[in-house]
């Protein structure tokens, strides 16, 4: 049996996302890409340098089968809609806060 590790995509570039990306990477779970609102934002650049290629949320379904959604509560639904419209159907999406379903 071959044990493969699926690449993970992260939506969000804050401190929580950076810490989770670092922990995932250190524990053998590759972070394929980081998606954020503003590619010129310094946080996004630093996070992507450490954990994966900076891409748009629309591009995440092609880059990863697992997505960590780590954005503010009001952004969860728009991010989920973007992922669905972009073809994310069969992967796993995990939200870092339980404030929204």
PDB file of N, CA and C in Angstrom:
ATOM      1  N   UNK A   1       0.837  -1.176   0.000  1.00  0.00           N
ATOM      2  CA  UNK A   1       0.000   0.000   0.000  1.00  0.00           C
ATOM      3  C   UNK A   1       0.887   1.246   0.000  1.00  0.00           C
ATOM      4  N   UNK A   2       0.598   2.164  -0.902  1.00  0.00           N
ATOM      5  CA  UNK A   2       1.360   3.403  -0.993  1.00  0.00           C
ATOM      6  C   UNK A   2       0.601   4.494  -0.250  1.00  0.00           C
ATOM      7  N   UNK A   3       1.274   5.144   0.661  1.00  0.00           N
ATOM      8  CA  UNK A   3       0.670   6.232   1.424  1.00  0.00           C
ATOM      9  C   UNK A   3       1.028   7.553   0.757  1.00  0.00           C
ATOM     10  N   UNK A   4       0.051   8.202   0.150  1.00  0.00           N
ATOM     11  CA  UNK A   4       0.320   9.474  -0.514  1.00  0.00           C
ATOM     12  C   UNK A   4      -0.279  10.603   0.303  1.00  0.00           C
ATOM     13  N   UNK A   5       0.362  11.743   0.257  1.00  0.00           N
ATOM     14  CA  UNK A   5      -0.110  12.923   0.961  1.00  0.00           C
ATOM     15  C   UNK A   5      -0.618  13.905  -0.080  1.00  0.00           C
ATOM     16  N   UNK A   6      -1.875  14.271   0.038  1.00  0.00           N
ATOM     17  CA  UNK A   6      -2.479  15.206  -0.904  1.00  0.00           C
ATOM     18  C   UNK A   6      -2.022  16.630  -0.595  1.00  0.00           C
ATOM     19  N   UNK A   7      -1.807  17.432  -1.638  1.00  0.00           N
ATOM     20  CA  UNK A   7      -1.415  18.821  -1.409  1.00  0.00           C
ATOM     21  C   UNK A   7      -2.561  19.638  -0.819  1.00  0.00           C
ATOM     22  N   UNK A   8      -2.210  20.576   0.014  1.00  0.00           N
ATOM     23  CA  UNK A   8      -3.181  21.421   0.702  1.00  0.00           C
ATOM     24  C   UNK A   8      -3.072  22.842   0.178  1.00  0.00           C
ATOM     25  N   UNK A   9      -4.217  23.472  -0.029  1.00  0.00           N
ATOM     26  CA  UNK A   9      -4.268  24.884  -0.390  1.00  0.00           C
ATOM     27  C   UNK A   9      -4.820  25.655   0.793  1.00  0.00           C
ATOM     28  N   UNK A  10      -4.324  26.855   0.997  1.00  0.00           N
ATOM     29  CA  UNK A  10      -4.783  27.693   2.108  1.00  0.00           C
ATOM     30  C   UNK A  10      -5.358  28.983   1.545  1.00  0.00           C
ATOM     31  N   UNK A  11      -6.559  29.340   2.004  1.00  0.00           N
ATOM     32  CA  UNK A  11      -7.160  30.632   1.675  1.00  0.00           C
ATOM     33  C   UNK A  11      -7.016  31.501   2.905  1.00  0.00           C
ATOM     34  N   UNK A  12      -6.225  32.545   2.799  1.00  0.00           N
ATOM     35  CA  UNK A  12      -5.976  33.451   3.910  1.00  0.00           C
ATOM     36  C   UNK A  12      -4.490  33.572   4.175  1.00  0.00           C
ATOM     37  N   UNK A  13      -4.085  34.713   4.701  1.00  0.00           N
ATOM     38  CA  UNK A  13      -2.651  34.962   4.885  1.00  0.00           C
ATOM     39  C   UNK A  13      -2.296  35.515   6.261  1.00  0.00           C
ATOM     40  N   UNK A  14      -3.201  35.397   7.202  1.00  0.00           N
ATOM     41  CA  UNK A  14      -2.942  35.946   8.534  1.00  0.00           C
ATOM     42  C   UNK A  14      -2.031  35.074   9.370  1.00  0.00           C
ATOM     43  N   UNK A  15      -1.896  35.418  10.631  1.00  0.00           N
ATOM     44  CA  UNK A  15      -1.004  34.685  11.532  1.00  0.00           C
ATOM     45  C   UNK A  15      -1.431  33.237  11.746  1.00  0.00           C
ATOM     46  N   UNK A  16      -2.739  33.007  11.852  1.00  0.00           N
ATOM     47  CA  UNK A  16      -3.229  31.635  12.046  1.00  0.00           C
ATOM     48  C   UNK A  16      -2.860  30.790  10.831  1.00  0.00           C
ATOM     49  N   UNK A  17      -3.085  31.327   9.640  1.00  0.00           N
ATOM     50  CA  UNK A  17      -2.789  30.600   8.417  1.00  0.00           C
ATOM     51  C   UNK A  17      -1.299  30.306   8.300  1.00  0.00           C
ATOM     52  N   UNK A  18      -0.486  31.286   8.647  1.00  0.00           N
ATOM     53  CA  UNK A  18       0.958  31.093   8.585  1.00  0.00           C
ATOM     54  C   UNK A  18       1.401  30.004   9.559  1.00  0.00           C
ATOM     55  N   UNK A  19       0.853  30.028  10.770  1.00  0.00           N
ATOM     56  CA  UNK A  19       1.214  29.018  11.764  1.00  0.00           C
ATOM     57  C   UNK A  19       0.752  27.630  11.326  1.00  0.00           C
ATOM     58  N   UNK A  20      -0.474  27.529  10.831  1.00  0.00           N
ATOM     59  CA  UNK A  20      -0.975  26.233  10.371  1.00  0.00           C
ATOM     60  C   UNK A  20      -0.184  25.731   9.169  1.00  0.00           C
ATOM     61  N   UNK A  21       0.148  26.621   8.259  1.00  0.00           N
ATOM     62  CA  UNK A  21       0.957  26.236   7.103  1.00  0.00           C
ATOM     63  C   UNK A  21       2.308  25.691   7.531  1.00  0.00           C
ATOM     64  N   UNK A  22       2.912  26.346   8.492  1.00  0.00           N
ATOM     65  CA  UNK A  22       4.210  25.903   9.002  1.00  0.00           C
ATOM     66  C   UNK A  22       4.085  24.533   9.678  1.00  0.00           C
ATOM     67  N   UNK A  23       3.062  24.364  10.509  1.00  0.00           N
ATOM     68  CA  UNK A  23       2.862  23.081  11.185  1.00  0.00           C
ATOM     69  C   UNK A  23       2.556  21.955  10.200  1.00  0.00           C
ATOM     70  N   UNK A  24       1.729  22.236   9.210  1.00  0.00           N
ATOM     71  CA  UNK A  24       1.427  21.225   8.194  1.00  0.00           C
ATOM     72  C   UNK A  24       2.698  20.796   7.473  1.00  0.00           C
ATOM     73  N   UNK A  25       3.472  21.779   7.033  1.00  0.00           N
ATOM     74  CA  UNK A  25       4.699  21.500   6.292  1.00  0.00           C
ATOM     75  C   UNK A  25       5.688  20.703   7.146  1.00  0.00           C
ATOM     76  N   UNK A  26       5.871  21.123   8.388  1.00  0.00           N
ATOM     77  CA  UNK A  26       6.807  20.437   9.287  1.00  0.00           C
ATOM     78  C   UNK A  26       6.395  18.995   9.561  1.00  0.00           C
ATOM     79  N   UNK A  27       5.095  18.697   9.395  1.00  0.00           N
ATOM     80  CA  UNK A  27       4.591  17.352   9.668  1.00  0.00           C
ATOM     81  C   UNK A  27       4.313  16.560   8.394  1.00  0.00           C
ATOM     82  N   UNK A  28       4.931  16.974   7.294  1.00  0.00           N
ATOM     83  CA  UNK A  28       4.876  16.193   6.073  1.00  0.00           C
ATOM     84  C   UNK A  28       3.662  16.376   5.191  1.00  0.00           C
ATOM     85  N   UNK A  29       2.894  17.429   5.416  1.00  0.00           N
ATOM     86  CA  UNK A  29       1.728  17.711   4.583  1.00  0.00           C
ATOM     87  C   UNK A  29       2.046  18.920   3.705  1.00  0.00           C
ATOM     88  N   UNK A  30       2.318  18.696   2.428  1.00  0.00           N
ATOM     89  CA  UNK A  30       2.750  19.801   1.569  1.00  0.00           C
ATOM     90  C   UNK A  30       1.659  20.848   1.351  1.00  0.00           C
ATOM     91  N   UNK A  31       2.041  22.101   1.497  1.00  0.00           N
ATOM     92  CA  UNK A  31       1.146  23.207   1.179  1.00  0.00           C
ATOM     93  C   UNK A  31       1.464  23.620  -0.250  1.00  0.00           C
ATOM     94  N   UNK A  32       0.517  23.384  -1.149  1.00  0.00           N
ATOM     95  CA  UNK A  32       0.733  23.625  -2.573  1.00  0.00           C
ATOM     96  C   UNK A  32       0.608  25.089  -2.938  1.00  0.00           C
ATOM     97  N   UNK A  33      -0.312  25.788  -2.278  1.00  0.00           N
ATOM     98  CA  UNK A  33      -0.580  27.162  -2.696  1.00  0.00           C
ATOM     99  C   UNK A  33      -1.263  27.944  -1.584  1.00  0.00           C
ATOM    100  N   UNK A  34      -1.087  29.252  -1.657  1.00  0.00           N
ATOM    101  CA  UNK A  34      -1.710  30.189  -0.730  1.00  0.00           C
ATOM    102  C   UNK A  34      -2.535  31.169  -1.556  1.00  0.00           C
ATOM    103  N   UNK A  35      -3.790  31.346  -1.188  1.00  0.00           N
ATOM    104  CA  UNK A  35      -4.646  32.317  -1.877  1.00  0.00           C
ATOM    105  C   UNK A  35      -5.011  33.429  -0.908  1.00  0.00           C
ATOM    106  N   UNK A  36      -4.906  34.644  -1.367  1.00  0.00           N
ATOM    107  CA  UNK A  36      -5.263  35.797  -0.560  1.00  0.00           C
ATOM    108  C   UNK A  36      -5.933  36.837  -1.424  1.00  0.00           C
ATOM    109  N   UNK A  37      -6.463  37.861  -0.785  1.00  0.00           N
ATOM    110  CA  UNK A  37      -7.169  38.920  -1.515  1.00  0.00           C
ATOM    111  C   UNK A  37      -6.243  39.782  -2.351  1.00  0.00           C
ATOM    112  N   UNK A  38      -5.101  40.100  -1.798  1.00  0.00           N
ATOM    113  CA  UNK A  38      -4.252  41.112  -2.422  1.00  0.00           C
ATOM    114  C   UNK A  38      -2.829  40.586  -2.595  1.00  0.00           C
ATOM    115  N   UNK A  39      -2.429  40.265  -3.833  1.00  0.00           N
ATOM    116  CA  UNK A  39      -1.088  39.709  -4.040  1.00  0.00           C
ATOM    117  C   UNK A  39       0.037  40.681  -3.709  1.00  0.00           C
ATOM    118  N   UNK A  40      -0.262  41.957  -3.560  1.00  0.00           N
ATOM    119  CA  UNK A  40       0.764  42.930  -3.203  1.00  0.00           C
ATOM    120  C   UNK A  40       0.938  43.055  -1.693  1.00  0.00           C
ATOM    121  N   UNK A  41       0.060  42.430  -0.951  1.00  0.00           N
ATOM    122  CA  UNK A  41       0.126  42.517   0.502  1.00  0.00           C
ATOM    123  C   UNK A  41       1.348  41.773   1.022  1.00  0.00           C
ATOM    124  N   UNK A  42       2.093  42.404   1.889  1.00  0.00           N
ATOM    125  CA  UNK A  42       3.331  41.823   2.409  1.00  0.00           C
ATOM    126  C   UNK A  42       3.095  40.497   3.133  1.00  0.00           C
ATOM    127  N   UNK A  43       2.002  40.398   3.902  1.00  0.00           N
ATOM    128  CA  UNK A  43       1.702  39.151   4.612  1.00  0.00           C
ATOM    129  C   UNK A  43       1.590  37.988   3.641  1.00  0.00           C
ATOM    130  N   UNK A  44       0.907  38.230   2.518  1.00  0.00           N
ATOM    131  CA  UNK A  44       0.703  37.176   1.534  1.00  0.00           C
ATOM    132  C   UNK A  44       2.036  36.758   0.924  1.00  0.00           C
ATOM    133  N   UNK A  45       2.864  37.733   0.620  1.00  0.00           N
ATOM    134  CA  UNK A  45       4.169  37.421   0.042  1.00  0.00           C
ATOM    135  C   UNK A  45       5.008  36.594   1.000  1.00  0.00           C
ATOM    136  N   UNK A  46       5.032  36.972   2.268  1.00  0.00           N
ATOM    137  CA  UNK A  46       5.816  36.226   3.258  1.00  0.00           C
ATOM    138  C   UNK A  46       5.264  34.821   3.451  1.00  0.00           C
ATOM    139  N   UNK A  47       3.945  34.707   3.538  1.00  0.00           N
ATOM    140  CA  UNK A  47       3.314  33.406   3.741  1.00  0.00           C
ATOM    141  C   UNK A  47       3.575  32.489   2.553  1.00  0.00           C
ATOM    142  N   UNK A  48       3.462  32.999   1.348  1.00  0.00           N
ATOM    143  CA  UNK A  48       3.651  32.161   0.163  1.00  0.00           C
ATOM    144  C   UNK A  48       5.114  31.776  -0.024  1.00  0.00           C
ATOM    145  N   UNK A  49       6.037  32.639   0.362  1.00  0.00           N
ATOM    146  CA  UNK A  49       7.458  32.290   0.255  1.00  0.00           C
ATOM    147  C   UNK A  49       7.780  31.088   1.124  1.00  0.00           C
ATOM    148  N   UNK A  50       7.132  31.002   2.257  1.00  0.00           N
ATOM    149  CA  UNK A  50       7.404  29.913   3.190  1.00  0.00           C
ATOM    150  C   UNK A  50       6.610  28.651   2.870  1.00  0.00           C
ATOM    151  N   UNK A  51       5.374  28.811   2.341  1.00  0.00           N
ATOM    152  CA  UNK A  51       4.466  27.673   2.279  1.00  0.00           C
ATOM    153  C   UNK A  51       3.901  27.300   0.924  1.00  0.00           C
ATOM    154  N   UNK A  52       4.093  28.047  -0.108  1.00  0.00           N
ATOM    155  CA  UNK A  52       3.512  27.633  -1.386  1.00  0.00           C
ATOM    156  C   UNK A  52       3.366  28.781  -2.355  1.00  0.00           C
ATOM    157  N   UNK A  53       2.975  28.448  -3.543  1.00  0.00           N
ATOM    158  CA  UNK A  53       2.827  29.424  -4.610  1.00  0.00           C
ATOM    159  C   UNK A  53       1.639  30.342  -4.339  1.00  0.00           C
ATOM    160  N   UNK A  54       1.801  31.657  -4.522  1.00  0.00           N
ATOM    161  CA  UNK A  54       0.653  32.549  -4.368  1.00  0.00           C
ATOM    162  C   UNK A  54      -0.238  32.462  -5.614  1.00  0.00           C
ATOM    163  N   UNK A  55      -1.503  32.128  -5.417  1.00  0.00           N
ATOM    164  CA  UNK A  55      -2.454  32.034  -6.514  1.00  0.00           C
ATOM    165  C   UNK A  55      -3.780  32.632  -6.077  1.00  0.00           C
ATOM    166  N   UNK A  56      -4.734  32.682  -6.993  1.00  0.00           N
ATOM    167  CA  UNK A  56      -6.061  33.179  -6.652  1.00  0.00           C
ATOM    168  C   UNK A  56      -6.898  32.034  -6.082  1.00  0.00           C
ATOM    169  N   UNK A  57      -7.947  32.383  -5.393  1.00  0.00           N
ATOM    170  CA  UNK A  57      -8.847  31.372  -4.842  1.00  0.00           C
ATOM    171  C   UNK A  57      -9.442  30.527  -5.959  1.00  0.00           C
ATOM    172  N   UNK A  58      -9.703  31.132  -7.107  1.00  0.00           N
ATOM    173  CA  UNK A  58     -10.257  30.408  -8.254  1.00  0.00           C
ATOM    174  C   UNK A  58      -9.325  29.302  -8.745  1.00  0.00           C
ATOM    175  N   UNK A  59      -8.030  29.466  -8.534  1.00  0.00           N
ATOM    176  CA  UNK A  59      -7.048  28.492  -8.999  1.00  0.00           C
ATOM    177  C   UNK A  59      -6.803  27.338  -8.011  1.00  0.00           C
ATOM    178  N   UNK A  60      -7.260  27.481  -6.777  1.00  0.00           N
ATOM    179  CA  UNK A  60      -6.993  26.466  -5.753  1.00  0.00           C
ATOM    180  C   UNK A  60      -7.500  25.064  -6.093  1.00  0.00           C
ATOM    181  N   UNK A  61      -8.709  24.900  -6.654  1.00  0.00           N
ATOM    182  CA  UNK A  61      -9.172  23.534  -6.944  1.00  0.00           C
ATOM    183  C   UNK A  61      -8.242  22.753  -7.875  1.00  0.00           C
ATOM    184  N   UNK A  62      -7.577  23.429  -8.770  1.00  0.00           N
ATOM    185  CA  UNK A  62      -6.643  22.750  -9.676  1.00  0.00           C
ATOM    186  C   UNK A  62      -5.323  22.408  -8.980  1.00  0.00           C
ATOM    187  N   UNK A  63      -5.002  23.121  -7.909  1.00  0.00           N
ATOM    188  CA  UNK A  63      -3.712  22.950  -7.237  1.00  0.00           C
ATOM    189  C   UNK A  63      -3.763  22.019  -6.032  1.00  0.00           C
ATOM    190  N   UNK A  64      -4.949  21.797  -5.478  1.00  0.00           N
ATOM    191  CA  UNK A  64      -5.021  21.016  -4.248  1.00  0.00           C
ATOM    192  C   UNK A  64      -6.376  20.346  -4.088  1.00  0.00           C
ATOM    193  N   UNK A  65      -6.379  19.241  -3.376  1.00  0.00           N
ATOM    194  CA  UNK A  65      -7.634  18.538  -3.121  1.00  0.00           C
ATOM    195  C   UNK A  65      -8.146  18.801  -1.703  1.00  0.00           C
ATOM    196  N   UNK A  66      -7.351  19.472  -0.923  1.00  0.00           N
ATOM    197  CA  UNK A  66      -7.733  19.851   0.437  1.00  0.00           C
ATOM    198  C   UNK A  66      -7.526  21.361   0.555  1.00  0.00           C
ATOM    199  N   UNK A  67      -8.512  22.044   1.116  1.00  0.00           N
ATOM    200  CA  UNK A  67      -8.415  23.491   1.260  1.00  0.00           C
ATOM    201  C   UNK A  67      -8.683  23.879   2.703  1.00  0.00           C
ATOM    202  N   UNK A  68      -7.779  24.656   3.251  1.00  0.00           N
ATOM    203  CA  UNK A  68      -7.937  25.221   4.583  1.00  0.00           C
ATOM    204  C   UNK A  68      -8.452  26.642   4.390  1.00  0.00           C
ATOM    205  N   UNK A  69      -9.681  26.900   4.833  1.00  0.00           N
ATOM    206  CA  UNK A  69     -10.282  28.227   4.696  1.00  0.00           C
ATOM    207  C   UNK A  69     -10.080  28.954   6.012  1.00  0.00           C
ATOM    208  N   UNK A  70      -9.228  29.932   5.997  1.00  0.00           N
ATOM    209  CA  UNK A  70      -8.872  30.644   7.217  1.00  0.00           C
ATOM    210  C   UNK A  70      -9.028  32.141   6.987  1.00  0.00           C
ATOM    211  N   UNK A  71     -10.285  32.536   6.859  1.00  0.00           N
ATOM    212  CA  UNK A  71     -10.612  33.939   6.605  1.00  0.00           C
ATOM    213  C   UNK A  71     -11.621  34.393   7.652  1.00  0.00           C
ATOM    214  N   UNK A  72     -11.906  35.688   7.687  1.00  0.00           N
ATOM    215  CA  UNK A  72     -12.876  36.205   8.652  1.00  0.00           C
ATOM    216  C   UNK A  72     -14.262  35.626   8.361  1.00  0.00           C
ATOM    217  N   UNK A  73     -15.109  35.618   9.352  1.00  0.00           N
ATOM    218  CA  UNK A  73     -16.441  35.032   9.240  1.00  0.00           C
ATOM    219  C   UNK A  73     -17.247  35.532   8.062  1.00  0.00           C
ATOM    220  N   UNK A  74     -17.176  36.813   7.784  1.00  0.00           N
ATOM    221  CA  UNK A  74     -17.969  37.361   6.678  1.00  0.00           C
ATOM    222  C   UNK A  74     -17.436  36.944   5.312  1.00  0.00           C
ATOM    223  N   UNK A  75     -16.220  36.419   5.258  1.00  0.00           N
ATOM    224  CA  UNK A  75     -15.622  36.012   3.984  1.00  0.00           C
ATOM    225  C   UNK A  75     -15.798  34.525   3.669  1.00  0.00           C
ATOM    226  N   UNK A  76     -16.298  33.743   4.622  1.00  0.00           N
ATOM    227  CA  UNK A  76     -16.417  32.296   4.421  1.00  0.00           C
ATOM    228  C   UNK A  76     -17.339  31.979   3.246  1.00  0.00           C
ATOM    229  N   UNK A  77     -18.525  32.537   3.244  1.00  0.00           N
ATOM    230  CA  UNK A  77     -19.481  32.234   2.183  1.00  0.00           C
ATOM    231  C   UNK A  77     -18.974  32.646   0.802  1.00  0.00           C
ATOM    232  N   UNK A  78     -18.442  33.868   0.621  1.00  0.00           N
ATOM    233  CA  UNK A  78     -17.902  34.221  -0.696  1.00  0.00           C
ATOM    234  C   UNK A  78     -16.770  33.295  -1.142  1.00  0.00           C
ATOM    235  N   UNK A  79     -15.902  32.877  -0.211  1.00  0.00           N
ATOM    236  CA  UNK A  79     -14.812  31.964  -0.559  1.00  0.00           C
ATOM    237  C   UNK A  79     -15.383  30.612  -0.983  1.00  0.00           C
ATOM    238  N   UNK A  80     -16.368  30.103  -0.247  1.00  0.00           N
ATOM    239  CA  UNK A  80     -16.992  28.828  -0.597  1.00  0.00           C
ATOM    240  C   UNK A  80     -17.648  28.906  -1.978  1.00  0.00           C
ATOM    241  N   UNK A  81     -18.283  30.015  -2.278  1.00  0.00           N
ATOM    242  CA  UNK A  81     -18.908  30.197  -3.592  1.00  0.00           C
ATOM    243  C   UNK A  81     -17.859  30.212  -4.706  1.00  0.00           C
ATOM    244  N   UNK A  82     -16.760  30.895  -4.480  1.00  0.00           N
ATOM    245  CA  UNK A  82     -15.679  30.937  -5.475  1.00  0.00           C
ATOM    246  C   UNK A  82     -15.123  29.539  -5.707  1.00  0.00           C
ATOM    247  N   UNK A  83     -14.889  28.794  -4.639  1.00  0.00           N
ATOM    248  CA  UNK A  83     -14.364  27.436  -4.774  1.00  0.00           C
ATOM    249  C   UNK A  83     -15.334  26.551  -5.559  1.00  0.00           C
ATOM    250  N   UNK A  84     -16.621  26.644  -5.244  1.00  0.00           N
ATOM    251  CA  UNK A  84     -17.623  25.827  -5.939  1.00  0.00           C
ATOM    252  C   UNK A  84     -17.690  26.192  -7.423  1.00  0.00           C
ATOM    253  N   UNK A  85     -17.695  27.478  -7.730  1.00  0.00           N
ATOM    254  CA  UNK A  85     -17.744  27.919  -9.128  1.00  0.00           C
ATOM    255  C   UNK A  85     -16.480  27.537  -9.890  1.00  0.00           C
ATOM    256  N   UNK A  86     -15.403  27.321  -9.171  1.00  0.00           N
ATOM    257  CA  UNK A  86     -14.120  27.001  -9.799  1.00  0.00           C
ATOM    258  C   UNK A  86     -13.894  25.494  -9.921  1.00  0.00           C
ATOM    259  N   UNK A  87     -14.878  24.694  -9.557  1.00  0.00           N
ATOM    260  CA  UNK A  87     -14.767  23.263  -9.752  1.00  0.00           C
ATOM    261  C   UNK A  87     -14.393  22.445  -8.533  1.00  0.00           C
ATOM    262  N   UNK A  88     -14.338  23.041  -7.373  1.00  0.00           N
ATOM    263  CA  UNK A  88     -14.006  22.287  -6.155  1.00  0.00           C
ATOM    264  C   UNK A  88     -15.242  21.521  -5.718  1.00  0.00           C
ATOM    265  N   UNK A  89     -15.260  20.204  -5.981  1.00  0.00           N
ATOM    266  CA  UNK A  89     -16.446  19.412  -5.697  1.00  0.00           C
ATOM    267  C   UNK A  89     -16.199  18.238  -4.756  1.00  0.00           C
ATOM    268  N   UNK A  90     -15.047  17.622  -4.837  1.00  0.00           N
ATOM    269  CA  UNK A  90     -14.837  16.357  -4.145  1.00  0.00           C
ATOM    270  C   UNK A  90     -13.727  16.395  -3.111  1.00  0.00           C
ATOM    271  N   UNK A  91     -13.144  17.534  -2.885  1.00  0.00           N
ATOM    272  CA  UNK A  91     -12.074  17.617  -1.912  1.00  0.00           C
ATOM    273  C   UNK A  91     -12.609  17.863  -0.520  1.00  0.00           C
ATOM    274  N   UNK A  92     -11.711  18.218   0.372  1.00  0.00           N
ATOM    275  CA  UNK A  92     -12.056  18.503   1.754  1.00  0.00           C
ATOM    276  C   UNK A  92     -11.762  19.975   2.022  1.00  0.00           C
ATOM    277  N   UNK A  93     -12.737  20.694   2.562  1.00  0.00           N
ATOM    278  CA  UNK A  93     -12.533  22.083   2.961  1.00  0.00           C
ATOM    279  C   UNK A  93     -12.733  22.169   4.465  1.00  0.00           C
ATOM    280  N   UNK A  94     -11.799  22.806   5.139  1.00  0.00           N
ATOM    281  CA  UNK A  94     -11.841  22.931   6.589  1.00  0.00           C
ATOM    282  C   UNK A  94     -11.792  24.398   6.956  1.00  0.00           C
ATOM    283  N   UNK A  95     -12.696  24.827   7.802  1.00  0.00           N
ATOM    284  CA  UNK A  95     -12.740  26.209   8.282  1.00  0.00           C
ATOM    285  C   UNK A  95     -12.096  26.243   9.663  1.00  0.00           C
ATOM    286  N   UNK A  96     -11.270  27.255   9.919  1.00  0.00           N
ATOM    287  CA  UNK A  96     -10.521  27.309  11.178  1.00  0.00           C
ATOM    288  C   UNK A  96     -11.343  27.789  12.365  1.00  0.00           C
ATOM    289  N   UNK A  97     -12.527  28.320  12.155  1.00  0.00           N
ATOM    290  CA  UNK A  97     -13.344  28.831  13.258  1.00  0.00           C
ATOM    291  C   UNK A  97     -14.742  28.259  13.138  1.00  0.00           C
ATOM    292  N   UNK A  98     -15.347  27.943  14.241  1.00  0.00           N
ATOM    293  CA  UNK A  98     -16.677  27.349  14.226  1.00  0.00           C
ATOM    294  C   UNK A  98     -17.804  28.354  14.261  1.00  0.00           C
ATOM    295  N   UNK A  99     -17.539  29.638  14.063  1.00  0.00           N
ATOM    296  CA  UNK A  99     -18.580  30.646  14.145  1.00  0.00           C
ATOM    297  C   UNK A  99     -19.611  30.515  13.021  1.00  0.00           C
ATOM    298  N   UNK A 100     -19.221  29.935  11.889  1.00  0.00           N
ATOM    299  CA  UNK A 100     -20.134  29.717  10.758  1.00  0.00           C
ATOM    300  C   UNK A 100     -20.043  28.271  10.339  1.00  0.00           C
ATOM    301  N   UNK A 101     -21.161  27.727   9.848  1.00  0.00           N
ATOM    302  CA  UNK A 101     -21.159  26.354   9.339  1.00  0.00           C
ATOM    303  C   UNK A 101     -20.375  26.247   8.042  1.00  0.00           C
TER     304      UNK A 101
END
